[in-house]
Amino acid sequence: MTITTYFLYLAAVALLVLSPGPTMLTCMTTAVNHGPRKALASASGSVSAVLGVMLLSALGLGALLAASEVAFTVAKVIGAAYLIWLGIKTFRSNAAALQGQRRGD
């Protein structure tokens, strides 16, 4: 990858990160509900996640997934299992039970 291509990629990712979307919505919601300190932590987590994806992409993970159908399927299954685990963990947490009690459910 040439340096010009890398900077073009970096600019595209920066535009995606800075444009309104799920990441920005999460940071704004956190700021409104929990204050600026937790919003900064949320923004830092979002930026580090994007940097992690950029690093994996630069190391060739995207090319591997594009070339190998098995690797792509394994990545999808692992991602789906992780999302299911997060959902179950959220429903079992005390915070979800307390929010149901506050609404009168």
C-alpha atoms as a PDB file:
ATOM      1  CA  MET A   1       0.000   0.000   0.000  1.00  0.00           C
ATOM      2  CA  THR A   2       1.400   3.368  -0.968  1.00  0.00           C
ATOM      3  CA  ILE A   3       1.434   6.259   1.467  1.00  0.00           C
ATOM      4  CA  THR A   4      -1.099   8.119  -0.699  1.00  0.00           C
ATOM      5  CA  THR A   5      -3.527   5.206  -0.529  1.00  0.00           C
ATOM      6  CA  TYR A   6      -3.012   4.954   3.223  1.00  0.00           C
ATOM      7  CA  PHE A   7      -3.785   8.641   3.768  1.00  0.00           C
ATOM      8  CA  LEU A   8      -6.863   8.368   1.552  1.00  0.00           C
ATOM      9  CA  TYR A   9      -8.032   5.398   3.612  1.00  0.00           C
ATOM     10  CA  LEU A  10      -7.302   7.291   6.834  1.00  0.00           C
ATOM     11  CA  ALA A  11      -9.326  10.295   5.606  1.00  0.00           C
ATOM     12  CA  ALA A  12     -12.285   8.061   4.679  1.00  0.00           C
ATOM     13  CA  VAL A  13     -12.265   6.389   8.099  1.00  0.00           C
ATOM     14  CA  ALA A  14     -11.986   9.760   9.850  1.00  0.00           C
ATOM     15  CA  LEU A  15     -14.988  11.008   7.880  1.00  0.00           C
ATOM     16  CA  LEU A  16     -16.992   7.939   8.879  1.00  0.00           C
ATOM     17  CA  VAL A  17     -16.044   8.330  12.527  1.00  0.00           C
ATOM     18  CA  LEU A  18     -16.855  12.041  12.642  1.00  0.00           C
ATOM     19  CA  SER A  19     -20.139  11.829  10.753  1.00  0.00           C
ATOM     20  CA  PRO A  20     -23.312  11.315  12.754  1.00  0.00           C
ATOM     21  CA  GLY A  21     -24.160   7.682  13.185  1.00  0.00           C
ATOM     22  CA  PRO A  22     -24.409   5.012  15.873  1.00  0.00           C
ATOM     23  CA  THR A  23     -21.064   5.940  17.428  1.00  0.00           C
ATOM     24  CA  MET A  24     -21.947   9.611  17.671  1.00  0.00           C
ATOM     25  CA  LEU A  25     -25.418   8.771  19.013  1.00  0.00           C
ATOM     26  CA  THR A  26     -23.874   6.592  21.720  1.00  0.00           C
ATOM     27  CA  CYS A  27     -21.496   9.359  22.778  1.00  0.00           C
ATOM     28  CA  MET A  28     -24.262  11.998  22.851  1.00  0.00           C
ATOM     29  CA  THR A  29     -26.619   9.725  24.796  1.00  0.00           C
ATOM     30  CA  THR A  30     -23.878   8.958  27.298  1.00  0.00           C
ATOM     31  CA  ALA A  31     -23.123  12.673  27.686  1.00  0.00           C
ATOM     32  CA  VAL A  32     -26.763  13.543  28.334  1.00  0.00           C
ATOM     33  CA  ASN A  33     -27.404  10.672  30.735  1.00  0.00           C
ATOM     34  CA  HIS A  34     -24.080  10.401  32.576  1.00  0.00           C
ATOM     35  CA  GLY A  35     -22.098  13.595  32.057  1.00  0.00           C
ATOM     36  CA  PRO A  36     -18.967  14.627  30.205  1.00  0.00           C
ATOM     37  CA  ARG A  37     -16.512  12.318  31.984  1.00  0.00           C
ATOM     38  CA  LYS A  38     -18.346   9.145  30.921  1.00  0.00           C
ATOM     39  CA  ALA A  39     -18.956  10.639  27.467  1.00  0.00           C
ATOM     40  CA  LEU A  40     -15.207  11.071  27.060  1.00  0.00           C
ATOM     41  CA  ALA A  41     -14.709   7.427  28.037  1.00  0.00           C
ATOM     42  CA  SER A  42     -17.374   6.428  25.507  1.00  0.00           C
ATOM     43  CA  ALA A  43     -15.720   8.485  22.771  1.00  0.00           C
ATOM     44  CA  SER A  44     -12.316   7.018  23.640  1.00  0.00           C
ATOM     45  CA  GLY A  45     -13.742   3.514  23.355  1.00  0.00           C
ATOM     46  CA  SER A  46     -15.292   4.311  19.989  1.00  0.00           C
ATOM     47  CA  VAL A  47     -12.074   5.776  18.622  1.00  0.00           C
ATOM     48  CA  SER A  48      -9.984   2.854  19.893  1.00  0.00           C
ATOM     49  CA  ALA A  49     -12.422   0.406  18.268  1.00  0.00           C
ATOM     50  CA  VAL A  50     -12.061   2.184  14.924  1.00  0.00           C
ATOM     51  CA  LEU A  51      -8.279   2.213  15.287  1.00  0.00           C
ATOM     52  CA  GLY A  52      -8.376  -1.517  16.021  1.00  0.00           C
ATOM     53  CA  VAL A  53     -10.394  -2.183  12.881  1.00  0.00           C
ATOM     54  CA  MET A  54      -7.988  -0.018  10.871  1.00  0.00           C
ATOM     55  CA  LEU A  55      -5.029  -1.952  12.264  1.00  0.00           C
ATOM     56  CA  LEU A  56      -6.592  -5.319  11.430  1.00  0.00           C
ATOM     57  CA  SER A  57      -7.423  -4.091   7.959  1.00  0.00           C
ATOM     58  CA  ALA A  58      -3.901  -2.780   7.426  1.00  0.00           C
ATOM     59  CA  LEU A  59      -2.487  -6.122   8.573  1.00  0.00           C
ATOM     60  CA  GLY A  60      -4.461  -7.868   5.837  1.00  0.00           C
ATOM     61  CA  LEU A  61      -7.471  -9.324   7.650  1.00  0.00           C
ATOM     62  CA  GLY A  62      -9.819  -7.806   5.059  1.00  0.00           C
ATOM     63  CA  ALA A  63      -7.904  -9.467   2.223  1.00  0.00           C
ATOM     64  CA  LEU A  64      -7.944 -12.795   4.060  1.00  0.00           C
ATOM     65  CA  LEU A  65     -11.698 -12.605   4.628  1.00  0.00           C
ATOM     66  CA  ALA A  66     -12.267 -11.650   0.990  1.00  0.00           C
ATOM     67  CA  ALA A  67     -10.137 -14.531  -0.252  1.00  0.00           C
ATOM     68  CA  SER A  68     -11.365 -17.265   2.079  1.00  0.00           C
ATOM     69  CA  GLU A  69     -15.040 -18.106   2.397  1.00  0.00           C
ATOM     70  CA  VAL A  70     -14.325 -20.342   5.393  1.00  0.00           C
ATOM     71  CA  ALA A  71     -12.506 -17.559   7.270  1.00  0.00           C
ATOM     72  CA  PHE A  72     -15.365 -15.157   6.517  1.00  0.00           C
ATOM     73  CA  THR A  73     -17.959 -17.660   7.769  1.00  0.00           C
ATOM     74  CA  VAL A  74     -15.941 -18.292  10.944  1.00  0.00           C
ATOM     75  CA  ALA A  75     -15.695 -14.527  11.582  1.00  0.00           C
ATOM     76  CA  LYS A  76     -19.463 -14.129  11.083  1.00  0.00           C
ATOM     77  CA  VAL A  77     -20.287 -16.996  13.456  1.00  0.00           C
ATOM     78  CA  ILE A  78     -17.914 -15.683  16.130  1.00  0.00           C
ATOM     79  CA  GLY A  79     -19.403 -12.180  15.773  1.00  0.00           C
ATOM     80  CA  ALA A  80     -22.962 -13.479  16.002  1.00  0.00           C
ATOM     81  CA  ALA A  81     -22.128 -15.573  19.070  1.00  0.00           C
ATOM     82  CA  TYR A  82     -20.548 -12.535  20.722  1.00  0.00           C
ATOM     83  CA  LEU A  83     -23.626 -10.382  20.045  1.00  0.00           C
ATOM     84  CA  ILE A  84     -25.914 -13.087  21.428  1.00  0.00           C
ATOM     85  CA  TRP A  85     -23.734 -13.353  24.535  1.00  0.00           C
ATOM     86  CA  LEU A  86     -23.883  -9.557  25.012  1.00  0.00           C
ATOM     87  CA  GLY A  87     -27.678  -9.611  24.668  1.00  0.00           C
ATOM     88  CA  ILE A  88     -28.087 -12.377  27.232  1.00  0.00           C
ATOM     89  CA  LYS A  89     -25.689 -10.614  29.597  1.00  0.00           C
ATOM     90  CA  THR A  90     -27.662  -7.366  29.238  1.00  0.00           C
ATOM     91  CA  PHE A  91     -31.022  -9.002  29.914  1.00  0.00           C
ATOM     92  CA  ARG A  92     -29.639 -10.760  33.000  1.00  0.00           C
ATOM     93  CA  SER A  93     -28.040  -7.611  34.448  1.00  0.00           C
ATOM     94  CA  ASN A  94     -29.431  -5.760  37.425  1.00  0.00           C
ATOM     95  CA  ALA A  95     -29.723  -2.536  35.422  1.00  0.00           C
ATOM     96  CA  ALA A  96     -32.258  -4.091  33.022  1.00  0.00           C
ATOM     97  CA  ALA A  97     -34.326  -5.382  35.940  1.00  0.00           C
ATOM     98  CA  LEU A  98     -34.220  -2.010  37.705  1.00  0.00           C
ATOM     99  CA  GLN A  99     -35.340  -0.108  34.597  1.00  0.00           C
ATOM    100  CA  GLY A 100     -38.355  -2.412  34.303  1.00  0.00           C
ATOM    101  CA  GLN A 101     -39.302  -1.653  37.916  1.00  0.00           C
ATOM    102  CA  ARG A 102     -38.991   2.119  37.423  1.00  0.00           C
ATOM    103  CA  ARG A 103     -41.409   2.141  34.504  1.00  0.00           C
ATOM    104  CA  GLY A 104     -43.967   0.194  36.461  1.00  0.00           C
ATOM    105  CA  ASP A 105     -43.722  -2.934  34.272  1.00  0.00           C
END
